[in-house]
Full PDB file with SEQRES, HELIX, SHEET, SSBOND, CRYST1, ORIGX, SCALE, CONECT and MASTER records, all heavy atoms in Angstrom:
SEQRES   1 A   33  GLU GLY THR GLN ILE SER THR GLU ILE LYS ILE GLY GLY          
SEQRES   2 A   33  MET SER CYS GLN GLY CYS VAL LYS ASN ILE GLY GLY VAL          
SEQRES   3 A   33  LEU ALA ALA LEU PRO GLY VAL                                  
HELIX    1 AA1 GLN A   17  ALA A   28  1                                  12    
CRYST1    1.000    1.000    1.000  90.00  90.00  90.00 P 1           1          
ORIGX1      1.000000  0.000000  0.000000        0.00000                         
ORIGX2      0.000000  1.000000  0.000000        0.00000                         
ORIGX3      0.000000  0.000000  1.000000        0.00000                         
SCALE1      1.000000  0.000000  0.000000        0.00000                         
SCALE2      0.000000  1.000000  0.000000        0.00000                         
SCALE3      0.000000  0.000000  1.000000        0.00000                         
ATOM      1  N   GLU A   1      -8.080 -19.410  -6.720  1.00  0.00           N  
ATOM      2  CA  GLU A   1      -7.310 -18.183  -6.577  1.00  0.00           C  
ATOM      3  C   GLU A   1      -7.122 -17.515  -7.943  1.00  0.00           C  
ATOM      4  O   GLU A   1      -6.921 -18.174  -8.952  1.00  0.00           O  
ATOM      5  CB  GLU A   1      -5.923 -18.494  -5.988  1.00  0.00           C  
ATOM      6  CG  GLU A   1      -5.984 -18.834  -4.512  1.00  0.00           C  
ATOM      7  CD  GLU A   1      -4.592 -18.935  -3.919  1.00  0.00           C  
ATOM      8  OE1 GLU A   1      -3.707 -18.194  -4.343  1.00  0.00           O  
ATOM      9  OE2 GLU A   1      -4.401 -19.779  -3.044  1.00  0.00           O  
ATOM     10  N   GLY A   2      -7.179 -16.210  -7.939  1.00  0.00           N  
ATOM     11  CA  GLY A   2      -6.954 -15.463  -9.151  1.00  0.00           C  
ATOM     12  C   GLY A   2      -5.477 -15.219  -9.368  1.00  0.00           C  
ATOM     13  O   GLY A   2      -4.658 -15.562  -8.536  1.00  0.00           O  
ATOM     14  N   THR A   3      -5.156 -14.647 -10.472  1.00  0.00           N  
ATOM     15  CA  THR A   3      -3.779 -14.296 -10.790  1.00  0.00           C  
ATOM     16  C   THR A   3      -3.431 -12.968 -10.151  1.00  0.00           C  
ATOM     17  O   THR A   3      -4.187 -12.015 -10.294  1.00  0.00           O  
ATOM     18  CB  THR A   3      -3.585 -14.213 -12.305  1.00  0.00           C  
ATOM     19  OG1 THR A   3      -3.961 -15.449 -12.870  1.00  0.00           O  
ATOM     20  CG2 THR A   3      -2.141 -13.923 -12.651  1.00  0.00           C  
ATOM     21  N   GLN A   4      -2.320 -12.922  -9.471  1.00  0.00           N  
ATOM     22  CA  GLN A   4      -1.903 -11.672  -8.830  1.00  0.00           C  
ATOM     23  C   GLN A   4      -1.008 -10.882  -9.781  1.00  0.00           C  
ATOM     24  O   GLN A   4      -0.227 -11.442 -10.514  1.00  0.00           O  
ATOM     25  CB  GLN A   4      -1.185 -11.938  -7.521  1.00  0.00           C  
ATOM     26  CG  GLN A   4      -2.095 -12.519  -6.478  1.00  0.00           C  
ATOM     27  CD  GLN A   4      -1.408 -12.783  -5.173  1.00  0.00           C  
ATOM     28  OE1 GLN A   4      -0.178 -12.708  -5.102  1.00  0.00           O  
ATOM     29  NE2 GLN A   4      -2.162 -13.068  -4.157  1.00  0.00           N  
ATOM     30  N   ILE A   5      -1.193  -9.575  -9.745  1.00  0.00           N  
ATOM     31  CA  ILE A   5      -0.327  -8.686 -10.497  1.00  0.00           C  
ATOM     32  C   ILE A   5       0.307  -7.660  -9.567  1.00  0.00           C  
ATOM     33  O   ILE A   5      -0.177  -7.448  -8.457  1.00  0.00           O  
ATOM     34  CB  ILE A   5      -1.086  -7.955 -11.633  1.00  0.00           C  
ATOM     35  CG1 ILE A   5      -2.207  -7.090 -11.094  1.00  0.00           C  
ATOM     36  CG2 ILE A   5      -1.624  -8.955 -12.648  1.00  0.00           C  
ATOM     37  CD1 ILE A   5      -2.881  -6.208 -12.122  1.00  0.00           C  
ATOM     38  N   SER A   6       1.384  -7.051 -10.018  1.00  0.00           N  
ATOM     39  CA  SER A   6       2.082  -6.077  -9.202  1.00  0.00           C  
ATOM     40  C   SER A   6       2.019  -4.723  -9.892  1.00  0.00           C  
ATOM     41  O   SER A   6       2.069  -4.634 -11.120  1.00  0.00           O  
ATOM     42  CB  SER A   6       3.533  -6.520  -9.003  1.00  0.00           C  
ATOM     43  OG  SER A   6       4.200  -5.595  -8.193  1.00  0.00           O  
ATOM     44  N   THR A   7       1.900  -3.672  -9.086  1.00  0.00           N  
ATOM     45  CA  THR A   7       1.872  -2.331  -9.648  1.00  0.00           C  
ATOM     46  C   THR A   7       2.671  -1.404  -8.749  1.00  0.00           C  
ATOM     47  O   THR A   7       2.766  -1.631  -7.545  1.00  0.00           O  
ATOM     48  CB  THR A   7       0.442  -1.801  -9.805  1.00  0.00           C  
ATOM     49  OG1 THR A   7       0.466  -0.563 -10.505  1.00  0.00           O  
ATOM     50  CG2 THR A   7      -0.253  -1.600  -8.479  1.00  0.00           C  
ATOM     51  N   GLU A   8       3.262  -0.374  -9.337  1.00  0.00           N  
ATOM     52  CA  GLU A   8       3.947   0.650  -8.539  1.00  0.00           C  
ATOM     53  C   GLU A   8       3.077   1.878  -8.533  1.00  0.00           C  
ATOM     54  O   GLU A   8       2.595   2.350  -9.583  1.00  0.00           O  
ATOM     55  CB  GLU A   8       5.306   0.989  -9.161  1.00  0.00           C  
ATOM     56  CG  GLU A   8       6.077   2.009  -8.343  1.00  0.00           C  
ATOM     57  CD  GLU A   8       7.462   2.266  -8.881  1.00  0.00           C  
ATOM     58  OE1 GLU A   8       8.393   1.526  -8.504  1.00  0.00           O  
ATOM     59  OE2 GLU A   8       7.618   3.201  -9.679  1.00  0.00           O  
ATOM     60  N   ILE A   9       2.863   2.431  -7.340  1.00  0.00           N  
ATOM     61  CA  ILE A   9       2.056   3.626  -7.174  1.00  0.00           C  
ATOM     62  C   ILE A   9       2.919   4.729  -6.626  1.00  0.00           C  
ATOM     63  O   ILE A   9       3.643   4.518  -5.628  1.00  0.00           O  
ATOM     64  CB  ILE A   9       0.868   3.343  -6.214  1.00  0.00           C  
ATOM     65  CG1 ILE A   9      -0.011   2.247  -6.759  1.00  0.00           C  
ATOM     66  CG2 ILE A   9       0.090   4.635  -5.949  1.00  0.00           C  
ATOM     67  CD1 ILE A   9      -1.090   1.751  -5.805  1.00  0.00           C  
ATOM     68  N   LYS A  10       2.911   5.889  -7.280  1.00  0.00           N  
ATOM     69  CA  LYS A  10       3.649   7.050  -6.750  1.00  0.00           C  
ATOM     70  C   LYS A  10       2.785   7.701  -5.677  1.00  0.00           C  
ATOM     71  O   LYS A  10       1.597   7.920  -5.880  1.00  0.00           O  
ATOM     72  CB  LYS A  10       3.937   8.023  -7.879  1.00  0.00           C  
ATOM     73  CG  LYS A  10       4.914   7.501  -8.894  1.00  0.00           C  
ATOM     74  CD  LYS A  10       5.213   8.504  -9.958  1.00  0.00           C  
ATOM     75  CE  LYS A  10       6.144   7.907 -11.006  1.00  0.00           C  
ATOM     76  NZ  LYS A  10       6.428   8.860 -12.090  1.00  0.00           N  
ATOM     77  N   ILE A  11       3.415   8.011  -4.544  1.00  0.00           N  
ATOM     78  CA  ILE A  11       2.693   8.593  -3.399  1.00  0.00           C  
ATOM     79  C   ILE A  11       3.308   9.915  -3.022  1.00  0.00           C  
ATOM     80  O   ILE A  11       4.533  10.025  -2.869  1.00  0.00           O  
ATOM     81  CB  ILE A  11       2.739   7.621  -2.205  1.00  0.00           C  
ATOM     82  CG1 ILE A  11       2.141   6.275  -2.579  1.00  0.00           C  
ATOM     83  CG2 ILE A  11       1.980   8.240  -1.014  1.00  0.00           C  
ATOM     84  CD1 ILE A  11       2.284   5.215  -1.535  1.00  0.00           C  
ATOM     85  N   GLY A  12       2.459  10.914  -2.848  1.00  0.00           N  
ATOM     86  CA  GLY A  12       2.928  12.231  -2.423  1.00  0.00           C  
ATOM     87  C   GLY A  12       2.410  12.526  -1.033  1.00  0.00           C  
ATOM     88  O   GLY A  12       1.343  12.057  -0.630  1.00  0.00           O  
ATOM     89  N   GLY A  13       3.197  13.274  -0.264  1.00  0.00           N  
ATOM     90  CA  GLY A  13       2.764  13.707   1.058  1.00  0.00           C  
ATOM     91  C   GLY A  13       3.336  12.895   2.217  1.00  0.00           C  
ATOM     92  O   GLY A  13       3.035  13.186   3.369  1.00  0.00           O  
ATOM     93  N   MET A  14       4.141  11.881   1.924  1.00  0.00           N  
ATOM     94  CA  MET A  14       4.760  11.109   3.009  1.00  0.00           C  
ATOM     95  C   MET A  14       5.966  11.885   3.540  1.00  0.00           C  
ATOM     96  O   MET A  14       6.763  12.410   2.782  1.00  0.00           O  
ATOM     97  CB  MET A  14       5.244   9.744   2.501  1.00  0.00           C  
ATOM     98  CG  MET A  14       4.161   8.786   2.121  1.00  0.00           C  
ATOM     99  SD  MET A  14       4.785   7.088   1.887  1.00  0.00           S  
ATOM    100  CE  MET A  14       5.924   7.278   0.519  1.00  0.00           C  
ATOM    101  N   SER A  15       6.075  11.935   4.882  1.00  0.00           N  
ATOM    102  CA  SER A  15       7.185  12.672   5.473  1.00  0.00           C  
ATOM    103  C   SER A  15       7.960  11.862   6.515  1.00  0.00           C  
ATOM    104  O   SER A  15       9.019  12.327   6.951  1.00  0.00           O  
ATOM    105  CB  SER A  15       6.676  13.961   6.118  1.00  0.00           C  
ATOM    106  OG  SER A  15       5.697  13.658   7.100  1.00  0.00           O  
ATOM    107  N   CYS A  16       7.458  10.705   6.916  1.00  0.00           N  
ATOM    108  CA  CYS A  16       8.130   9.932   7.957  1.00  0.00           C  
ATOM    109  C   CYS A  16       7.739   8.462   7.875  1.00  0.00           C  
ATOM    110  O   CYS A  16       6.874   8.077   7.109  1.00  0.00           O  
ATOM    111  CB  CYS A  16       7.775  10.508   9.339  1.00  0.00           C  
ATOM    112  SG  CYS A  16       6.017  10.327   9.719  1.00  0.00           S  
ATOM    113  N   GLN A  17       8.376   7.671   8.727  1.00  0.00           N  
ATOM    114  CA  GLN A  17       8.063   6.220   8.755  1.00  0.00           C  
ATOM    115  C   GLN A  17       6.657   5.970   9.240  1.00  0.00           C  
ATOM    116  O   GLN A  17       6.052   4.965   8.918  1.00  0.00           O  
ATOM    117  CB  GLN A  17       9.080   5.481   9.650  1.00  0.00           C  
ATOM    118  CG  GLN A  17      10.454   5.326   9.013  1.00  0.00           C  
ATOM    119  CD  GLN A  17      10.420   4.584   7.692  1.00  0.00           C  
ATOM    120  OE1 GLN A  17       9.724   3.590   7.538  1.00  0.00           O  
ATOM    121  NE2 GLN A  17      11.164   5.070   6.721  1.00  0.00           N  
ATOM    122  N   GLY A  18       6.086   6.891  10.001  1.00  0.00           N  
ATOM    123  CA  GLY A  18       4.693   6.753  10.424  1.00  0.00           C  
ATOM    124  C   GLY A  18       3.753   6.766   9.222  1.00  0.00           C  
ATOM    125  O   GLY A  18       2.779   6.014   9.171  1.00  0.00           O  
ATOM    126  N   CYS A  19       4.064   7.639   8.250  1.00  0.00           N  
ATOM    127  CA  CYS A  19       3.286   7.675   7.006  1.00  0.00           C  
ATOM    128  C   CYS A  19       3.392   6.360   6.266  1.00  0.00           C  
ATOM    129  O   CYS A  19       2.385   5.834   5.758  1.00  0.00           O  
ATOM    130  CB  CYS A  19       3.797   8.801   6.103  1.00  0.00           C  
ATOM    131  SG  CYS A  19       3.639  10.465   6.776  1.00  0.00           S  
ATOM    132  N   VAL A  20       4.602   5.821   6.219  1.00  0.00           N  
ATOM    133  CA  VAL A  20       4.843   4.547   5.536  1.00  0.00           C  
ATOM    134  C   VAL A  20       4.011   3.448   6.192  1.00  0.00           C  
ATOM    135  O   VAL A  20       3.343   2.668   5.490  1.00  0.00           O  
ATOM    136  CB  VAL A  20       6.340   4.187   5.570  1.00  0.00           C  
ATOM    137  CG1 VAL A  20       6.598   2.760   5.119  1.00  0.00           C  
ATOM    138  CG2 VAL A  20       7.133   5.183   4.740  1.00  0.00           C  
ATOM    139  N   LYS A  21       4.015   3.388   7.511  1.00  0.00           N  
ATOM    140  CA  LYS A  21       3.257   2.358   8.228  1.00  0.00           C  
ATOM    141  C   LYS A  21       1.750   2.548   8.018  1.00  0.00           C  
ATOM    142  O   LYS A  21       1.000   1.583   7.883  1.00  0.00           O  
ATOM    143  CB  LYS A  21       3.585   2.390   9.726  1.00  0.00           C  
ATOM    144  CG  LYS A  21       4.950   1.807  10.025  1.00  0.00           C  
ATOM    145  CD  LYS A  21       5.197   1.773  11.523  1.00  0.00           C  
ATOM    146  CE  LYS A  21       6.569   1.178  11.833  1.00  0.00           C  
ATOM    147  NZ  LYS A  21       6.838   1.093  13.250  1.00  0.00           N  
ATOM    148  N   ASN A  22       1.310   3.799   8.029  1.00  0.00           N  
ATOM    149  CA  ASN A  22      -0.107   4.102   7.828  1.00  0.00           C  
ATOM    150  C   ASN A  22      -0.565   3.607   6.464  1.00  0.00           C  
ATOM    151  O   ASN A  22      -1.556   2.881   6.354  1.00  0.00           O  
ATOM    152  CB  ASN A  22      -0.318   5.625   7.949  1.00  0.00           C  
ATOM    153  CG  ASN A  22      -1.774   6.019   7.851  1.00  0.00           C  
ATOM    154  OD1 ASN A  22      -2.676   5.204   7.770  1.00  0.00           O  
ATOM    155  ND2 ASN A  22      -2.011   7.321   7.871  1.00  0.00           N  
ATOM    156  N   ILE A  23       0.150   3.961   5.411  1.00  0.00           N  
ATOM    157  CA  ILE A  23      -0.231   3.551   4.055  1.00  0.00           C  
ATOM    158  C   ILE A  23      -0.127   2.036   3.906  1.00  0.00           C  
ATOM    159  O   ILE A  23      -0.986   1.392   3.320  1.00  0.00           O  
ATOM    160  CB  ILE A  23       0.628   4.261   3.013  1.00  0.00           C  
ATOM    161  CG1 ILE A  23       0.340   5.782   3.043  1.00  0.00           C  
ATOM    162  CG2 ILE A  23       0.401   3.703   1.618  1.00  0.00           C  
ATOM    163  CD1 ILE A  23       1.293   6.626   2.255  1.00  0.00           C  
ATOM    164  N   GLY A  24       0.947   1.440   4.424  1.00  0.00           N  
ATOM    165  CA  GLY A  24       1.122   0.007   4.359  1.00  0.00           C  
ATOM    166  C   GLY A  24      -0.052  -0.719   5.013  1.00  0.00           C  
ATOM    167  O   GLY A  24      -0.549  -1.710   4.501  1.00  0.00           O  
ATOM    168  N   GLY A  25      -0.479  -0.197   6.175  1.00  0.00           N  
ATOM    169  CA  GLY A  25      -1.620  -0.819   6.885  1.00  0.00           C  
ATOM    170  C   GLY A  25      -2.917  -0.691   6.144  1.00  0.00           C  
ATOM    171  O   GLY A  25      -3.700  -1.627   6.083  1.00  0.00           O  
ATOM    172  N   VAL A  26      -3.125   0.487   5.542  1.00  0.00           N  
ATOM    173  CA  VAL A  26      -4.347   0.727   4.763  1.00  0.00           C  
ATOM    174  C   VAL A  26      -4.399  -0.253   3.576  1.00  0.00           C  
ATOM    175  O   VAL A  26      -5.418  -0.902   3.324  1.00  0.00           O  
ATOM    176  CB  VAL A  26      -4.393   2.176   4.246  1.00  0.00           C  
ATOM    177  CG1 VAL A  26      -5.419   2.349   3.163  1.00  0.00           C  
ATOM    178  CG2 VAL A  26      -4.703   3.118   5.405  1.00  0.00           C  
ATOM    179  N   LEU A  27      -3.279  -0.376   2.864  1.00  0.00           N  
ATOM    180  CA  LEU A  27      -3.249  -1.270   1.693  1.00  0.00           C  
ATOM    181  C   LEU A  27      -3.386  -2.729   2.084  1.00  0.00           C  
ATOM    182  O   LEU A  27      -4.123  -3.488   1.450  1.00  0.00           O  
ATOM    183  CB  LEU A  27      -1.974  -1.032   0.893  1.00  0.00           C  
ATOM    184  CG  LEU A  27      -1.857   0.311   0.187  1.00  0.00           C  
ATOM    185  CD1 LEU A  27      -0.468   0.520  -0.368  1.00  0.00           C  
ATOM    186  CD2 LEU A  27      -2.915   0.446  -0.902  1.00  0.00           C  
ATOM    187  N   ALA A  28      -2.677  -3.144   3.134  1.00  0.00           N  
ATOM    188  CA  ALA A  28      -2.703  -4.545   3.566  1.00  0.00           C  
ATOM    189  C   ALA A  28      -4.095  -4.983   3.989  1.00  0.00           C  
ATOM    190  O   ALA A  28      -4.420  -6.170   3.892  1.00  0.00           O  
ATOM    191  CB  ALA A  28      -1.702  -4.772   4.677  1.00  0.00           C  
ATOM    192  N   ALA A  29      -4.903  -4.028   4.485  1.00  0.00           N  
ATOM    193  CA  ALA A  29      -6.250  -4.370   4.970  1.00  0.00           C  
ATOM    194  C   ALA A  29      -7.279  -4.544   3.846  1.00  0.00           C  
ATOM    195  O   ALA A  29      -8.372  -5.039   4.065  1.00  0.00           O  
ATOM    196  CB  ALA A  29      -6.716  -3.303   5.935  1.00  0.00           C  
ATOM    197  N   LEU A  30      -6.882  -4.139   2.633  1.00  0.00           N  
ATOM    198  CA  LEU A  30      -7.849  -4.210   1.526  1.00  0.00           C  
ATOM    199  C   LEU A  30      -7.986  -5.657   1.021  1.00  0.00           C  
ATOM    200  O   LEU A  30      -6.993  -6.391   0.945  1.00  0.00           O  
ATOM    201  CB  LEU A  30      -7.379  -3.326   0.369  1.00  0.00           C  
ATOM    202  CG  LEU A  30      -7.338  -1.829   0.642  1.00  0.00           C  
ATOM    203  CD1 LEU A  30      -6.661  -1.098  -0.511  1.00  0.00           C  
ATOM    204  CD2 LEU A  30      -8.730  -1.312   0.879  1.00  0.00           C  
ATOM    205  N   PRO A  31      -9.213  -6.082   0.675  1.00  0.00           N  
ATOM    206  CA  PRO A  31      -9.400  -7.428   0.140  1.00  0.00           C  
ATOM    207  C   PRO A  31      -8.694  -7.545  -1.219  1.00  0.00           C  
ATOM    208  O   PRO A  31      -8.737  -6.654  -2.039  1.00  0.00           O  
ATOM    209  CB  PRO A  31     -10.916  -7.527  -0.019  1.00  0.00           C  
ATOM    210  CG  PRO A  31     -11.398  -6.120  -0.122  1.00  0.00           C  
ATOM    211  CD  PRO A  31     -10.449  -5.297   0.711  1.00  0.00           C  
ATOM    212  N   GLY A  32      -7.970  -8.656  -1.378  1.00  0.00           N  
ATOM    213  CA  GLY A  32      -7.297  -8.889  -2.653  1.00  0.00           C  
ATOM    214  C   GLY A  32      -5.845  -8.457  -2.671  1.00  0.00           C  
ATOM    215  O   GLY A  32      -5.115  -8.779  -3.595  1.00  0.00           O  
ATOM    216  N   VAL A  33      -5.402  -7.705  -1.630  1.00  0.00           N  
ATOM    217  CA  VAL A  33      -4.003  -7.270  -1.598  1.00  0.00           C  
ATOM    218  C   VAL A  33      -3.163  -8.361  -0.912  1.00  0.00           C  
ATOM    219  O   VAL A  33      -3.423  -8.718   0.234  1.00  0.00           O  
ATOM    220  CB  VAL A  33      -3.864  -5.931  -0.864  1.00  0.00           C  
ATOM    221  CG1 VAL A  33      -2.398  -5.570  -0.673  1.00  0.00           C  
ATOM    222  CG2 VAL A  33      -4.593  -4.828  -1.627  1.00  0.00           C  
TER     223      VAL A  33                                                      
MASTER        0    0    0    1    0    0    0    6  222    1    0    3          
END                                                                             
């Protein structure tokens, strides 16, 4: 296993919890996240 790091990303264009779930799902599906 590699070393994990944390980063904060500023996101523009979110207007509701649906946006939050959409982005969370996109990120969670990426390898290494």
